[in-house]
Amino acid sequence: MASEAECCPLGVFKCQLCSVTAPYSYVGQKPPNTQAVVLLEESYVMKDPFTSGTDRFLVLGSRCSLCSRLVCVGPECSLFYSRRFCLPCVQDNISAFPREIQQDVDKRKGPKRPSSQPCP
């Protein structure tokens, strides 16, 4: 018999930065039907729709540990460094992060326009 968390969505997760939406079936650190999985943060989780296994799941996102904004795990919206941070909070506090994280954030920004084109 399937657990209620597995078959019935609790609600719809919506990233407050990119607006991606998906139904979630669990919020917490220990997704249902998993033996040895404990997530490092309270996460919004859905059953993996691409597999038939009941122990497979996808982490959709969680709250930013600084501003509590609900953000997806997409690299353009958040990063995990001991806790989840939305990219606006990372950019506002970039000097508090290790150099490797700062370099990773710089790579994520990427050039939005050809380098020969001046800034407006």
PDB file of N, CA and C in Angstrom:
ATOM      1  N   MET A   1       0.844  -1.187   0.000  1.00  0.00           N
ATOM      2  CA  MET A   1       0.000   0.000   0.000  1.00  0.00           C
ATOM      3  C   MET A   1       0.885   1.245   0.000  1.00  0.00           C
ATOM      4  N   ALA A   2       0.608   2.176  -0.880  1.00  0.00           N
ATOM      5  CA  ALA A   2       1.412   3.396  -0.986  1.00  0.00           C
ATOM      6  C   ALA A   2       1.110   4.324   0.181  1.00  0.00           C
ATOM      7  N   SER A   3       2.166   4.974   0.651  1.00  0.00           N
ATOM      8  CA  SER A   3       1.959   5.927   1.746  1.00  0.00           C
ATOM      9  C   SER A   3       1.275   7.179   1.208  1.00  0.00           C
ATOM     10  N   GLU A   4       0.613   7.904   2.096  1.00  0.00           N
ATOM     11  CA  GLU A   4      -0.096   9.120   1.685  1.00  0.00           C
ATOM     12  C   GLU A   4       0.868  10.140   1.104  1.00  0.00           C
ATOM     13  N   ALA A   5       2.074  10.261   1.694  1.00  0.00           N
ATOM     14  CA  ALA A   5       3.054  11.233   1.218  1.00  0.00           C
ATOM     15  C   ALA A   5       3.541  10.898  -0.176  1.00  0.00           C
ATOM     16  N   GLU A   6       3.506   9.613  -0.524  1.00  0.00           N
ATOM     17  CA  GLU A   6       4.006   9.192  -1.820  1.00  0.00           C
ATOM     18  C   GLU A   6       3.022   9.478  -2.947  1.00  0.00           C
ATOM     19  N   CYS A   7       1.719   9.310  -2.707  1.00  0.00           N
ATOM     20  CA  CYS A   7       0.748   9.391  -3.796  1.00  0.00           C
ATOM     21  C   CYS A   7      -0.041  10.694  -3.845  1.00  0.00           C
ATOM     22  N   CYS A   8      -0.104  11.416  -2.773  1.00  0.00           N
ATOM     23  CA  CYS A   8      -0.933  12.616  -2.721  1.00  0.00           C
ATOM     24  C   CYS A   8      -0.082  13.861  -2.498  1.00  0.00           C
ATOM     25  N   PRO A   9      -0.010  14.751  -3.475  1.00  0.00           N
ATOM     26  CA  PRO A   9       0.773  15.974  -3.266  1.00  0.00           C
ATOM     27  C   PRO A   9       0.232  16.787  -2.096  1.00  0.00           C
ATOM     28  N   LEU A  10       1.141  17.360  -1.334  1.00  0.00           N
ATOM     29  CA  LEU A  10       0.760  18.229  -0.219  1.00  0.00           C
ATOM     30  C   LEU A  10       0.456  19.640  -0.698  1.00  0.00           C
ATOM     31  N   GLY A  11       1.053  19.998  -1.821  1.00  0.00           N
ATOM     32  CA  GLY A  11       0.885  21.336  -2.359  1.00  0.00           C
ATOM     33  C   GLY A  11       1.747  21.511  -3.589  1.00  0.00           C
ATOM     34  N   VAL A  12       1.921  22.743  -4.002  1.00  0.00           N
ATOM     35  CA  VAL A  12       2.734  23.054  -5.175  1.00  0.00           C
ATOM     36  C   VAL A  12       3.906  23.919  -4.737  1.00  0.00           C
ATOM     37  N   PHE A  13       5.114  23.427  -5.016  1.00  0.00           N
ATOM     38  CA  PHE A  13       6.331  24.179  -4.746  1.00  0.00           C
ATOM     39  C   PHE A  13       6.469  25.243  -5.829  1.00  0.00           C
ATOM     40  N   LYS A  14       6.814  26.477  -5.444  1.00  0.00           N
ATOM     41  CA  LYS A  14       7.060  27.531  -6.427  1.00  0.00           C
ATOM     42  C   LYS A  14       8.299  28.305  -6.006  1.00  0.00           C
ATOM     43  N   CYS A  15       9.310  28.302  -6.871  1.00  0.00           N
ATOM     44  CA  CYS A  15      10.533  29.054  -6.606  1.00  0.00           C
ATOM     45  C   CYS A  15      10.206  30.544  -6.674  1.00  0.00           C
ATOM     46  N   GLN A  16      10.632  31.283  -5.661  1.00  0.00           N
ATOM     47  CA  GLN A  16      10.344  32.716  -5.618  1.00  0.00           C
ATOM     48  C   GLN A  16      11.298  33.532  -6.485  1.00  0.00           C
ATOM     49  N   LEU A  17      12.254  32.873  -7.132  1.00  0.00           N
ATOM     50  CA  LEU A  17      13.139  33.591  -8.049  1.00  0.00           C
ATOM     51  C   LEU A  17      12.801  33.313  -9.507  1.00  0.00           C
ATOM     52  N   CYS A  18      12.699  32.043  -9.892  1.00  0.00           N
ATOM     53  CA  CYS A  18      12.460  31.723 -11.304  1.00  0.00           C
ATOM     54  C   CYS A  18      11.023  31.303 -11.590  1.00  0.00           C
ATOM     55  N   SER A  19      10.215  31.144 -10.550  1.00  0.00           N
ATOM     56  CA  SER A  19       8.794  30.780 -10.661  1.00  0.00           C
ATOM     57  C   SER A  19       8.530  29.361 -11.149  1.00  0.00           C
ATOM     58  N   VAL A  20       9.538  28.498 -11.164  1.00  0.00           N
ATOM     59  CA  VAL A  20       9.294  27.099 -11.527  1.00  0.00           C
ATOM     60  C   VAL A  20       8.343  26.504 -10.490  1.00  0.00           C
ATOM     61  N   THR A  21       7.418  25.672 -10.963  1.00  0.00           N
ATOM     62  CA  THR A  21       6.453  25.047 -10.062  1.00  0.00           C
ATOM     63  C   THR A  21       6.460  23.535 -10.254  1.00  0.00           C
ATOM     64  N   ALA A  22       6.168  22.821  -9.178  1.00  0.00           N
ATOM     65  CA  ALA A  22       6.042  21.364  -9.223  1.00  0.00           C
ATOM     66  C   ALA A  22       5.300  20.913  -7.971  1.00  0.00           C
ATOM     67  N   PRO A  23       4.482  19.879  -8.094  1.00  0.00           N
ATOM     68  CA  PRO A  23       3.795  19.375  -6.904  1.00  0.00           C
ATOM     69  C   PRO A  23       4.793  18.676  -5.983  1.00  0.00           C
ATOM     70  N   TYR A  24       4.703  18.941  -4.687  1.00  0.00           N
ATOM     71  CA  TYR A  24       5.583  18.245  -3.743  1.00  0.00           C
ATOM     72  C   TYR A  24       4.752  17.317  -2.872  1.00  0.00           C
ATOM     73  N   SER A  25       5.392  16.232  -2.443  1.00  0.00           N
ATOM     74  CA  SER A  25       4.681  15.248  -1.634  1.00  0.00           C
ATOM     75  C   SER A  25       5.256  15.116  -0.229  1.00  0.00           C
ATOM     76  N   TYR A  26       6.346  15.839   0.049  1.00  0.00           N
ATOM     77  CA  TYR A  26       6.967  15.735   1.369  1.00  0.00           C
ATOM     78  C   TYR A  26       7.801  16.979   1.630  1.00  0.00           C
ATOM     79  N   VAL A  27       7.834  17.413   2.889  1.00  0.00           N
ATOM     80  CA  VAL A  27       8.724  18.487   3.327  1.00  0.00           C
ATOM     81  C   VAL A  27       9.443  17.971   4.559  1.00  0.00           C
ATOM     82  N   GLY A  28      10.768  17.979   4.521  1.00  0.00           N
ATOM     83  CA  GLY A  28      11.540  17.521   5.668  1.00  0.00           C
ATOM     84  C   GLY A  28      12.909  17.033   5.257  1.00  0.00           C
ATOM     85  N   GLN A  29      13.547  16.282   6.151  1.00  0.00           N
ATOM     86  CA  GLN A  29      14.900  15.794   5.906  1.00  0.00           C
ATOM     87  C   GLN A  29      14.971  14.293   5.659  1.00  0.00           C
ATOM     88  N   LYS A  30      13.894  13.563   5.895  1.00  0.00           N
ATOM     89  CA  LYS A  30      13.895  12.108   5.727  1.00  0.00           C
ATOM     90  C   LYS A  30      12.734  11.707   4.823  1.00  0.00           C
ATOM     91  N   PRO A  31      12.959  11.717   3.495  1.00  0.00           N
ATOM     92  CA  PRO A  31      11.873  11.376   2.571  1.00  0.00           C
ATOM     93  C   PRO A  31      11.299   9.987   2.856  1.00  0.00           C
ATOM     94  N   PRO A  32      10.001   9.805   2.624  1.00  0.00           N
ATOM     95  CA  PRO A  32       9.374   8.506   2.884  1.00  0.00           C
ATOM     96  C   PRO A  32       9.943   7.413   1.987  1.00  0.00           C
ATOM     97  N   ASN A  33       9.900   6.192   2.481  1.00  0.00           N
ATOM     98  CA  ASN A  33      10.342   4.999   1.749  1.00  0.00           C
ATOM     99  C   ASN A  33      11.828   4.994   1.421  1.00  0.00           C
ATOM    100  N   THR A  34      12.624   5.742   2.154  1.00  0.00           N
ATOM    101  CA  THR A  34      14.073   5.701   1.969  1.00  0.00           C
ATOM    102  C   THR A  34      14.692   5.084   3.214  1.00  0.00           C
ATOM    103  N   GLN A  35      15.685   4.255   3.009  1.00  0.00           N
ATOM    104  CA  GLN A  35      16.317   3.548   4.118  1.00  0.00           C
ATOM    105  C   GLN A  35      17.339   4.415   4.842  1.00  0.00           C
ATOM    106  N   ALA A  36      18.349   4.850   4.112  1.00  0.00           N
ATOM    107  CA  ALA A  36      19.480   5.513   4.759  1.00  0.00           C
ATOM    108  C   ALA A  36      19.690   6.945   4.287  1.00  0.00           C
ATOM    109  N   VAL A  37      18.653   7.576   3.770  1.00  0.00           N
ATOM    110  CA  VAL A  37      18.797   8.933   3.251  1.00  0.00           C
ATOM    111  C   VAL A  37      18.305   9.940   4.286  1.00  0.00           C
ATOM    112  N   VAL A  38      19.203  10.846   4.656  1.00  0.00           N
ATOM    113  CA  VAL A  38      18.831  11.973   5.500  1.00  0.00           C
ATOM    114  C   VAL A  38      19.386  13.214   4.813  1.00  0.00           C
ATOM    115  N   LEU A  39      18.512  14.107   4.400  1.00  0.00           N
ATOM    116  CA  LEU A  39      18.933  15.326   3.711  1.00  0.00           C
ATOM    117  C   LEU A  39      19.538  16.302   4.711  1.00  0.00           C
ATOM    118  N   LEU A  40      20.442  17.139   4.254  1.00  0.00           N
ATOM    119  CA  LEU A  40      21.131  18.085   5.124  1.00  0.00           C
ATOM    120  C   LEU A  40      20.313  19.338   5.413  1.00  0.00           C
ATOM    121  N   GLU A  41      19.172  19.457   4.774  1.00  0.00           N
ATOM    122  CA  GLU A  41      18.309  20.616   4.988  1.00  0.00           C
ATOM    123  C   GLU A  41      16.858  20.179   4.849  1.00  0.00           C
ATOM    124  N   GLU A  42      15.957  20.943   5.444  1.00  0.00           N
ATOM    125  CA  GLU A  42      14.538  20.667   5.257  1.00  0.00           C
ATOM    126  C   GLU A  42      14.193  21.020   3.814  1.00  0.00           C
ATOM    127  N   SER A  43      13.782  20.010   3.053  1.00  0.00           N
ATOM    128  CA  SER A  43      13.586  20.176   1.618  1.00  0.00           C
ATOM    129  C   SER A  43      12.173  19.837   1.183  1.00  0.00           C
ATOM    130  N   TYR A  44      11.784  20.436   0.071  1.00  0.00           N
ATOM    131  CA  TYR A  44      10.537  20.095  -0.602  1.00  0.00           C
ATOM    132  C   TYR A  44      10.892  19.000  -1.601  1.00  0.00           C
ATOM    133  N   VAL A  45      10.182  17.870  -1.514  1.00  0.00           N
ATOM    134  CA  VAL A  45      10.549  16.669  -2.257  1.00  0.00           C
ATOM    135  C   VAL A  45       9.332  16.135  -3.004  1.00  0.00           C
ATOM    136  N   MET A  46       9.594  15.556  -4.177  1.00  0.00           N
ATOM    137  CA  MET A  46       8.537  14.851  -4.904  1.00  0.00           C
ATOM    138  C   MET A  46       9.046  13.475  -5.291  1.00  0.00           C
ATOM    139  N   LYS A  47       8.135  12.530  -5.468  1.00  0.00           N
ATOM    140  CA  LYS A  47       8.495  11.207  -5.961  1.00  0.00           C
ATOM    141  C   LYS A  47       9.037  11.378  -7.376  1.00  0.00           C
ATOM    142  N   ASP A  48      10.096  10.653  -7.702  1.00  0.00           N
ATOM    143  CA  ASP A  48      10.695  10.751  -9.031  1.00  0.00           C
ATOM    144  C   ASP A  48       9.712  10.211 -10.071  1.00  0.00           C
ATOM    145  N   PRO A  49       9.200  11.066 -10.956  1.00  0.00           N
ATOM    146  CA  PRO A  49       8.215  10.611 -11.939  1.00  0.00           C
ATOM    147  C   PRO A  49       8.833   9.789 -13.072  1.00  0.00           C
ATOM    148  N   PHE A  50      10.167   9.718 -13.130  1.00  0.00           N
ATOM    149  CA  PHE A  50      10.844   9.023 -14.218  1.00  0.00           C
ATOM    150  C   PHE A  50      11.211   7.586 -13.874  1.00  0.00           C
ATOM    151  N   THR A  51      10.964   7.163 -12.631  1.00  0.00           N
ATOM    152  CA  THR A  51      11.275   5.796 -12.223  1.00  0.00           C
ATOM    153  C   THR A  51      10.065   5.175 -11.541  1.00  0.00           C
ATOM    154  N   SER A  52      10.059   3.854 -11.505  1.00  0.00           N
ATOM    155  CA  SER A  52       8.958   3.159 -10.839  1.00  0.00           C
ATOM    156  C   SER A  52       9.290   2.822  -9.389  1.00  0.00           C
ATOM    157  N   GLY A  53      10.546   3.000  -8.983  1.00  0.00           N
ATOM    158  CA  GLY A  53      10.939   2.691  -7.612  1.00  0.00           C
ATOM    159  C   GLY A  53      10.314   3.643  -6.614  1.00  0.00           C
ATOM    160  N   THR A  54       9.820   3.098  -5.501  1.00  0.00           N
ATOM    161  CA  THR A  54       9.184   3.948  -4.496  1.00  0.00           C
ATOM    162  C   THR A  54      10.199   4.700  -3.654  1.00  0.00           C
ATOM    163  N   ASP A  55      11.472   4.289  -3.715  1.00  0.00           N
ATOM    164  CA  ASP A  55      12.494   4.944  -2.898  1.00  0.00           C
ATOM    165  C   ASP A  55      13.224   6.052  -3.652  1.00  0.00           C
ATOM    166  N   ARG A  56      12.791   6.366  -4.847  1.00  0.00           N
ATOM    167  CA  ARG A  56      13.430   7.409  -5.658  1.00  0.00           C
ATOM    168  C   ARG A  56      12.670   8.717  -5.502  1.00  0.00           C
ATOM    169  N   PHE A  57      13.416   9.817  -5.367  1.00  0.00           N
ATOM    170  CA  PHE A  57      12.769  11.109  -5.173  1.00  0.00           C
ATOM    171  C   PHE A  57      13.612  12.210  -5.796  1.00  0.00           C
ATOM    172  N   LEU A  58      13.002  13.362  -5.982  1.00  0.00           N
ATOM    173  CA  LEU A  58      13.682  14.554  -6.486  1.00  0.00           C
ATOM    174  C   LEU A  58      13.545  15.655  -5.450  1.00  0.00           C
ATOM    175  N   VAL A  59      14.650  16.324  -5.167  1.00  0.00           N
ATOM    176  CA  VAL A  59      14.610  17.481  -4.277  1.00  0.00           C
ATOM    177  C   VAL A  59      14.297  18.691  -5.143  1.00  0.00           C
ATOM    178  N   LEU A  60      13.227  19.384  -4.828  1.00  0.00           N
ATOM    179  CA  LEU A  60      12.806  20.555  -5.600  1.00  0.00           C
ATOM    180  C   LEU A  60      13.490  21.820  -5.114  1.00  0.00           C
ATOM    181  N   GLY A  61      13.590  21.984  -3.804  1.00  0.00           N
ATOM    182  CA  GLY A  61      14.194  23.187  -3.246  1.00  0.00           C
ATOM    183  C   GLY A  61      13.984  23.259  -1.755  1.00  0.00           C
ATOM    184  N   SER A  62      14.314  24.419  -1.209  1.00  0.00           N
ATOM    185  CA  SER A  62      14.135  24.664   0.222  1.00  0.00           C
ATOM    186  C   SER A  62      14.168  26.167   0.460  1.00  0.00           C
ATOM    187  N   ARG A  63      14.173  26.557   1.709  1.00  0.00           N
ATOM    188  CA  ARG A  63      14.195  27.983   2.052  1.00  0.00           C
ATOM    189  C   ARG A  63      15.628  28.475   2.187  1.00  0.00           C
ATOM    190  N   CYS A  64      15.871  29.698   1.746  1.00  0.00           N
ATOM    191  CA  CYS A  64      17.173  30.339   1.935  1.00  0.00           C
ATOM    192  C   CYS A  64      17.391  30.485   3.438  1.00  0.00           C
ATOM    193  N   SER A  65      18.575  30.132   3.894  1.00  0.00           N
ATOM    194  CA  SER A  65      18.853  30.182   5.330  1.00  0.00           C
ATOM    195  C   SER A  65      19.012  31.608   5.851  1.00  0.00           C
ATOM    196  N   LEU A  66      19.133  32.590   4.959  1.00  0.00           N
ATOM    197  CA  LEU A  66      19.250  33.986   5.394  1.00  0.00           C
ATOM    198  C   LEU A  66      17.923  34.737   5.327  1.00  0.00           C
ATOM    199  N   CYS A  67      17.248  34.671   4.184  1.00  0.00           N
ATOM    200  CA  CYS A  67      16.031  35.479   4.005  1.00  0.00           C
ATOM    201  C   CYS A  67      14.741  34.667   4.030  1.00  0.00           C
ATOM    202  N   SER A  68      14.851  33.342   4.085  1.00  0.00           N
ATOM    203  CA  SER A  68      13.700  32.422   4.113  1.00  0.00           C
ATOM    204  C   SER A  68      12.909  32.375   2.810  1.00  0.00           C
ATOM    205  N   ARG A  69      13.466  32.926   1.743  1.00  0.00           N
ATOM    206  CA  ARG A  69      12.821  32.856   0.429  1.00  0.00           C
ATOM    207  C   ARG A  69      12.801  31.393  -0.021  1.00  0.00           C
ATOM    208  N   LEU A  70      11.710  30.942  -0.601  1.00  0.00           N
ATOM    209  CA  LEU A  70      11.593  29.585  -1.118  1.00  0.00           C
ATOM    210  C   LEU A  70      12.259  29.543  -2.488  1.00  0.00           C
ATOM    211  N   VAL A  71      13.330  28.750  -2.622  1.00  0.00           N
ATOM    212  CA  VAL A  71      14.092  28.712  -3.868  1.00  0.00           C
ATOM    213  C   VAL A  71      14.325  27.277  -4.328  1.00  0.00           C
ATOM    214  N   CYS A  72      14.372  27.102  -5.648  1.00  0.00           N
ATOM    215  CA  CYS A  72      14.653  25.789  -6.212  1.00  0.00           C
ATOM    216  C   CYS A  72      16.155  25.506  -6.130  1.00  0.00           C
ATOM    217  N   VAL A  73      16.522  24.272  -6.426  1.00  0.00           N
ATOM    218  CA  VAL A  73      17.931  23.883  -6.359  1.00  0.00           C
ATOM    219  C   VAL A  73      18.683  24.213  -7.648  1.00  0.00           C
ATOM    220  N   GLY A  74      18.029  24.852  -8.602  1.00  0.00           N
ATOM    221  CA  GLY A  74      18.677  25.226  -9.856  1.00  0.00           C
ATOM    222  C   GLY A  74      19.861  26.146  -9.616  1.00  0.00           C
ATOM    223  N   PRO A  75      20.939  25.983 -10.391  1.00  0.00           N
ATOM    224  CA  PRO A  75      22.152  26.781 -10.174  1.00  0.00           C
ATOM    225  C   PRO A  75      21.964  28.276 -10.403  1.00  0.00           C
ATOM    226  N   GLU A  76      20.914  28.677 -11.104  1.00  0.00           N
ATOM    227  CA  GLU A  76      20.660  30.099 -11.316  1.00  0.00           C
ATOM    228  C   GLU A  76      19.866  30.718 -10.168  1.00  0.00           C
ATOM    229  N   CYS A  77      19.404  29.879  -9.233  1.00  0.00           N
ATOM    230  CA  CYS A  77      18.581  30.385  -8.127  1.00  0.00           C
ATOM    231  C   CYS A  77      19.213  30.220  -6.752  1.00  0.00           C
ATOM    232  N   SER A  78      19.980  29.154  -6.537  1.00  0.00           N
ATOM    233  CA  SER A  78      20.515  28.925  -5.195  1.00  0.00           C
ATOM    234  C   SER A  78      21.784  28.088  -5.234  1.00  0.00           C
ATOM    235  N   LEU A  79      22.437  28.043  -4.078  1.00  0.00           N
ATOM    236  CA  LEU A  79      23.556  27.128  -3.897  1.00  0.00           C
ATOM    237  C   LEU A  79      23.514  26.589  -2.480  1.00  0.00           C
ATOM    238  N   PHE A  80      24.129  25.419  -2.323  1.00  0.00           N
ATOM    239  CA  PHE A  80      24.192  24.802  -0.999  1.00  0.00           C
ATOM    240  C   PHE A  80      25.639  24.819  -0.544  1.00  0.00           C
ATOM    241  N   TYR A  81      25.892  25.504   0.551  1.00  0.00           N
ATOM    242  CA  TYR A  81      27.204  25.509   1.190  1.00  0.00           C
ATOM    243  C   TYR A  81      26.954  25.422   2.693  1.00  0.00           C
ATOM    244  N   SER A  82      26.886  24.227   3.201  1.00  0.00           N
ATOM    245  CA  SER A  82      26.503  23.884   4.572  1.00  0.00           C
ATOM    246  C   SER A  82      25.034  24.197   4.863  1.00  0.00           C
ATOM    247  N   ARG A  83      24.470  25.146   4.158  1.00  0.00           N
ATOM    248  CA  ARG A  83      23.044  25.503   4.201  1.00  0.00           C
ATOM    249  C   ARG A  83      22.665  26.032   2.821  1.00  0.00           C
ATOM    250  N   ARG A  84      21.361  26.162   2.553  1.00  0.00           N
ATOM    251  CA  ARG A  84      20.878  26.686   1.274  1.00  0.00           C
ATOM    252  C   ARG A  84      20.887  28.205   1.309  1.00  0.00           C
ATOM    253  N   PHE A  85      21.378  28.816   0.238  1.00  0.00           N
ATOM    254  CA  PHE A  85      21.385  30.270   0.094  1.00  0.00           C
ATOM    255  C   PHE A  85      20.832  30.623  -1.280  1.00  0.00           C
ATOM    256  N   CYS A  86      19.935  31.614  -1.338  1.00  0.00           N
ATOM    257  CA  CYS A  86      19.490  32.098  -2.644  1.00  0.00           C
ATOM    258  C   CYS A  86      20.626  32.948  -3.214  1.00  0.00           C
ATOM    259  N   LEU A  87      20.713  33.028  -4.530  1.00  0.00           N
ATOM    260  CA  LEU A  87      21.817  33.779  -5.138  1.00  0.00           C
ATOM    261  C   LEU A  87      21.808  35.261  -4.791  1.00  0.00           C
ATOM    262  N   PRO A  88      20.645  35.928  -4.652  1.00  0.00           N
ATOM    263  CA  PRO A  88      20.705  37.329  -4.207  1.00  0.00           C
ATOM    264  C   PRO A  88      21.381  37.476  -2.839  1.00  0.00           C
ATOM    265  N   CYS A  89      21.113  36.573  -1.903  1.00  0.00           N
ATOM    266  CA  CYS A  89      21.774  36.643  -0.588  1.00  0.00           C
ATOM    267  C   CYS A  89      23.261  36.322  -0.701  1.00  0.00           C
ATOM    268  N   VAL A  90      23.601  35.379  -1.579  1.00  0.00           N
ATOM    269  CA  VAL A  90      25.018  35.066  -1.797  1.00  0.00           C
ATOM    270  C   VAL A  90      25.729  36.307  -2.317  1.00  0.00           C
ATOM    271  N   GLN A  91      25.145  36.962  -3.308  1.00  0.00           N
ATOM    272  CA  GLN A  91      25.779  38.142  -3.892  1.00  0.00           C
ATOM    273  C   GLN A  91      25.875  39.285  -2.888  1.00  0.00           C
ATOM    274  N   ASP A  92      24.870  39.436  -2.030  1.00  0.00           N
ATOM    275  CA  ASP A  92      24.908  40.485  -1.001  1.00  0.00           C
ATOM    276  C   ASP A  92      25.953  40.210   0.072  1.00  0.00           C
ATOM    277  N   ASN A  93      26.315  38.943   0.248  1.00  0.00           N
ATOM    278  CA  ASN A  93      27.252  38.546   1.305  1.00  0.00           C
ATOM    279  C   ASN A  93      28.447  37.786   0.746  1.00  0.00           C
ATOM    280  N   ILE A  94      28.816  38.066  -0.497  1.00  0.00           N
ATOM    281  CA  ILE A  94      29.826  37.274  -1.199  1.00  0.00           C
ATOM    282  C   ILE A  94      31.154  37.202  -0.448  1.00  0.00           C
ATOM    283  N   SER A  95      31.541  38.254   0.253  1.00  0.00           N
ATOM    284  CA  SER A  95      32.831  38.246   0.952  1.00  0.00           C
ATOM    285  C   SER A  95      32.846  37.275   2.134  1.00  0.00           C
ATOM    286  N   ALA A  96      31.691  36.836   2.597  1.00  0.00           N
ATOM    287  CA  ALA A  96      31.618  35.887   3.712  1.00  0.00           C
ATOM    288  C   ALA A  96      31.827  34.439   3.256  1.00  0.00           C
ATOM    289  N   PHE A  97      31.839  34.209   1.941  1.00  0.00           N
ATOM    290  CA  PHE A  97      32.002  32.862   1.403  1.00  0.00           C
ATOM    291  C   PHE A  97      33.458  32.602   1.024  1.00  0.00           C
ATOM    292  N   PRO A  98      33.876  31.337   1.043  1.00  0.00           N
ATOM    293  CA  PRO A  98      35.243  30.996   0.624  1.00  0.00           C
ATOM    294  C   PRO A  98      35.487  31.374  -0.833  1.00  0.00           C
ATOM    295  N   ARG A  99      36.738  31.541  -1.174  1.00  0.00           N
ATOM    296  CA  ARG A  99      37.133  31.947  -2.529  1.00  0.00           C
ATOM    297  C   ARG A  99      36.551  31.004  -3.589  1.00  0.00           C
ATOM    298  N   GLU A 100      36.534  29.698  -3.305  1.00  0.00           N
ATOM    299  CA  GLU A 100      36.018  28.731  -4.279  1.00  0.00           C
ATOM    300  C   GLU A 100      34.540  28.993  -4.587  1.00  0.00           C
ATOM    301  N   ILE A 101      33.775  29.335  -3.575  1.00  0.00           N
ATOM    302  CA  ILE A 101      32.357  29.648  -3.776  1.00  0.00           C
ATOM    303  C   ILE A 101      32.227  30.949  -4.559  1.00  0.00           C
ATOM    304  N   GLN A 102      33.046  31.934  -4.235  1.00  0.00           N
ATOM    305  CA  GLN A 102      33.019  33.210  -4.957  1.00  0.00           C
ATOM    306  C   GLN A 102      33.309  32.984  -6.439  1.00  0.00           C
ATOM    307  N   GLN A 103      34.294  32.127  -6.737  1.00  0.00           N
ATOM    308  CA  GLN A 103      34.629  31.840  -8.135  1.00  0.00           C
ATOM    309  C   GLN A 103      33.484  31.106  -8.826  1.00  0.00           C
ATOM    310  N   ASP A 104      32.847  30.183  -8.110  1.00  0.00           N
ATOM    311  CA  ASP A 104      31.715  29.455  -8.669  1.00  0.00           C
ATOM    312  C   ASP A 104      30.563  30.409  -9.001  1.00  0.00           C
ATOM    313  N   VAL A 105      30.301  31.352  -8.120  1.00  0.00           N
ATOM    314  CA  VAL A 105      29.235  32.336  -8.355  1.00  0.00           C
ATOM    315  C   VAL A 105      29.579  33.200  -9.564  1.00  0.00           C
ATOM    316  N   ASP A 106      30.842  33.594  -9.694  1.00  0.00           N
ATOM    317  CA  ASP A 106      31.263  34.378 -10.861  1.00  0.00           C
ATOM    318  C   ASP A 106      31.040  33.598 -12.153  1.00  0.00           C
ATOM    319  N   LYS A 107      31.321  32.296 -12.142  1.00  0.00           N
ATOM    320  CA  LYS A 107      31.109  31.462 -13.328  1.00  0.00           C
ATOM    321  C   LYS A 107      29.623  31.356 -13.664  1.00  0.00           C
ATOM    322  N   ARG A 108      28.790  31.282 -12.646  1.00  0.00           N
ATOM    323  CA  ARG A 108      27.343  31.165 -12.868  1.00  0.00           C
ATOM    324  C   ARG A 108      26.779  32.399 -13.546  1.00  0.00           C
ATOM    325  N   LYS A 109      27.316  33.556 -13.203  1.00  0.00           N
ATOM    326  CA  LYS A 109      26.832  34.802 -13.812  1.00  0.00           C
ATOM    327  C   LYS A 109      27.052  34.739 -15.308  1.00  0.00           C
ATOM    328  N   GLY A 110      28.277  34.355 -15.714  1.00  0.00           N
ATOM    329  CA  GLY A 110      28.594  34.227 -17.124  1.00  0.00           C
ATOM    330  C   GLY A 110      28.380  35.520 -17.881  1.00  0.00           C
ATOM    331  N   PRO A 111      28.987  35.631 -19.054  1.00  0.00           N
ATOM    332  CA  PRO A 111      28.779  36.838 -19.852  1.00  0.00           C
ATOM    333  C   PRO A 111      27.375  36.849 -20.444  1.00  0.00           C
ATOM    334  N   LYS A 112      26.653  37.901 -20.205  1.00  0.00           N
ATOM    335  CA  LYS A 112      25.290  38.051 -20.728  1.00  0.00           C
ATOM    336  C   LYS A 112      25.314  38.663 -22.130  1.00  0.00           C
ATOM    337  N   ARG A 113      26.421  39.289 -22.476  1.00  0.00           N
ATOM    338  CA  ARG A 113      26.560  39.917 -23.790  1.00  0.00           C
ATOM    339  C   ARG A 113      27.985  39.648 -24.285  1.00  0.00           C
ATOM    340  N   PRO A 114      28.230  39.767 -25.567  1.00  0.00           N
ATOM    341  CA  PRO A 114      29.594  39.584 -26.062  1.00  0.00           C
ATOM    342  C   PRO A 114      30.548  40.533 -25.351  1.00  0.00           C
ATOM    343  N   SER A 115      31.760  40.067 -25.083  1.00  0.00           N
ATOM    344  CA  SER A 115      32.720  40.877 -24.328  1.00  0.00           C
ATOM    345  C   SER A 115      33.089  42.172 -25.043  1.00  0.00           C
ATOM    346  N   SER A 116      32.887  42.241 -26.355  1.00  0.00           N
ATOM    347  CA  SER A 116      33.194  43.466 -27.097  1.00  0.00           C
ATOM    348  C   SER A 116      32.111  44.529 -26.929  1.00  0.00           C
ATOM    349  N   GLN A 117      30.960  44.120 -26.429  1.00  0.00           N
ATOM    350  CA  GLN A 117      29.850  45.054 -26.257  1.00  0.00           C
ATOM    351  C   GLN A 117      29.969  45.736 -24.894  1.00  0.00           C
ATOM    352  N   PRO A 118      30.006  47.069 -24.856  1.00  0.00           N
ATOM    353  CA  PRO A 118      30.157  47.778 -23.584  1.00  0.00           C
ATOM    354  C   PRO A 118      28.894  47.702 -22.742  1.00  0.00           C
ATOM    355  N   CYS A 119      29.069  47.908 -21.456  1.00  0.00           N
ATOM    356  CA  CYS A 119      27.926  47.971 -20.541  1.00  0.00           C
ATOM    357  C   CYS A 119      27.150  49.255 -20.817  1.00  0.00           C
ATOM    358  N   PRO A 120      25.843  49.239 -20.643  1.00  0.00           N
ATOM    359  CA  PRO A 120      25.046  50.454 -20.886  1.00  0.00           C
ATOM    360  C   PRO A 120      25.323  51.517 -19.851  1.00  0.00           C
TER     361      PRO A 120
END
